[in-house]
Amino acid sequence: MEESKQRNIASNIFKSVVVALVGGLILYWMYRDFNFHKISDVLFHKMDWTWIFVVVPFGVLAQLFRGGVGDRRWNRWVNTHVPVCVLTAFFYLMP
């Protein structure tokens, strides 16, 4: 039993390392010719942040009301305890 646990832990670690390496390689491949200095110059010196600060609170409020504060449809669907097809649940929860 102990050997099975160790093998399972080693397998999980190996899978995690492989996924992290593949993800790192994909990120390196995507951004290998990217100029981060130019992006930082635009973000800190050439961009007008006024509109970002005006719009972000409305976006946060929209997400709060959509998903957490006032979503009675989600609570009603979760509390039915009836097995439902995924497609049916998707169309039920869509506004």
Protein backbone atom coordinates (compact mmCIF):
# COMPACT_ATOMS: atom_id res chain seq x y z
CA MET A 1 0.00 0.00 0.00
CA GLU A 2 2.83 2.39 0.89
CA GLU A 3 4.57 1.75 -2.43
CA SER A 4 1.35 2.56 -4.29
CA LYS A 5 1.06 5.90 -2.45
CA GLN A 6 4.67 6.79 -3.26
CA ARG A 7 4.18 5.88 -6.90
CA ASN A 8 1.01 7.98 -7.02
CA ILE A 9 2.78 10.98 -5.44
CA ALA A 10 5.73 10.62 -7.82
CA SER A 11 3.33 10.39 -10.77
CA ASN A 12 1.51 13.55 -9.67
CA ILE A 13 4.77 15.44 -9.22
CA PHE A 14 5.99 14.29 -12.64
CA LYS A 15 2.74 15.39 -14.29
CA SER A 16 2.89 18.79 -12.60
CA VAL A 17 6.51 19.34 -13.65
CA VAL A 18 5.76 18.34 -17.24
CA VAL A 19 2.76 20.68 -17.42
CA ALA A 20 4.81 23.56 -15.95
CA LEU A 21 7.67 22.94 -18.40
CA VAL A 22 5.35 22.77 -21.40
CA GLY A 23 3.58 25.95 -20.26
CA GLY A 24 6.91 27.72 -19.76
CA LEU A 25 8.10 26.66 -23.20
CA ILE A 26 4.88 27.89 -24.81
CA LEU A 27 5.17 31.26 -23.02
CA TYR A 28 8.82 31.57 -24.06
CA TRP A 29 7.93 30.72 -27.66
CA MET A 30 5.08 33.26 -27.71
CA TYR A 31 7.07 36.13 -26.17
CA ARG A 32 10.61 35.48 -27.40
CA ASP A 33 10.62 38.53 -29.74
CA PHE A 34 8.38 40.72 -27.60
CA ASN A 35 9.68 44.14 -26.58
CA PHE A 36 8.65 44.59 -22.94
CA HIS A 37 10.49 47.93 -22.65
CA LYS A 38 8.29 49.43 -25.36
CA ILE A 39 5.12 48.20 -23.64
CA SER A 40 6.24 49.61 -20.28
CA ASP A 41 7.00 52.96 -21.95
CA VAL A 42 3.50 53.07 -23.44
CA LEU A 43 1.82 52.00 -20.18
CA PHE A 44 3.65 54.43 -17.91
CA HIS A 45 4.31 57.44 -20.14
CA LYS A 46 1.94 57.55 -23.13
CA MET A 47 -1.33 56.10 -21.86
CA ASP A 48 -4.19 58.13 -20.40
CA TRP A 49 -5.32 56.15 -17.35
CA THR A 50 -8.34 58.36 -16.66
CA TRP A 51 -10.72 56.20 -18.68
CA ILE A 52 -9.46 53.02 -17.03
CA PHE A 53 -10.17 54.42 -13.56
CA VAL A 54 -13.63 55.60 -14.68
CA VAL A 55 -14.69 52.29 -16.28
CA VAL A 56 -13.21 49.65 -13.93
CA PRO A 57 -15.61 50.28 -11.01
CA PHE A 58 -18.60 49.77 -13.33
CA GLY A 59 -17.10 46.51 -14.59
CA VAL A 60 -16.55 45.26 -11.05
CA LEU A 61 -20.11 46.18 -10.07
CA ALA A 62 -21.47 44.41 -13.14
CA GLN A 63 -19.63 41.21 -12.26
CA LEU A 64 -20.76 41.38 -8.63
CA PHE A 65 -24.41 41.77 -9.56
CA ARG A 66 -24.17 39.17 -12.32
CA GLY A 67 -22.50 36.44 -10.31
CA GLY A 68 -22.83 37.01 -6.62
CA VAL A 69 -25.06 39.65 -5.17
CA GLY A 70 -28.32 39.42 -7.06
CA ASP A 71 -28.25 36.12 -8.94
CA ARG A 72 -31.36 34.29 -7.83
CA ARG A 73 -31.40 32.06 -10.92
CA TRP A 74 -28.11 30.41 -9.95
CA ASN A 75 -29.27 29.80 -6.35
CA ARG A 76 -32.59 28.40 -7.53
CA TRP A 77 -30.84 26.02 -9.96
CA VAL A 78 -28.30 24.84 -7.38
CA ASN A 79 -30.97 24.18 -4.76
CA THR A 80 -33.21 22.02 -6.99
CA HIS A 81 -31.16 18.83 -6.37
CA VAL A 82 -32.37 17.39 -9.65
CA PRO A 83 -29.87 15.90 -12.11
CA VAL A 84 -29.86 18.13 -15.18
CA CYS A 85 -28.27 17.91 -18.59
CA VAL A 86 -25.34 20.33 -18.98
CA LEU A 87 -26.87 21.92 -22.09
CA THR A 88 -30.18 22.45 -20.31
CA ALA A 89 -28.38 24.05 -17.36
CA PHE A 90 -26.44 26.29 -19.73
CA PHE A 91 -29.57 27.62 -21.43
CA TYR A 92 -31.38 27.97 -18.10
CA LEU A 93 -28.62 30.13 -16.62
CA MET A 94 -28.15 32.30 -19.72
CA PRO A 95 -30.02 35.61 -19.48
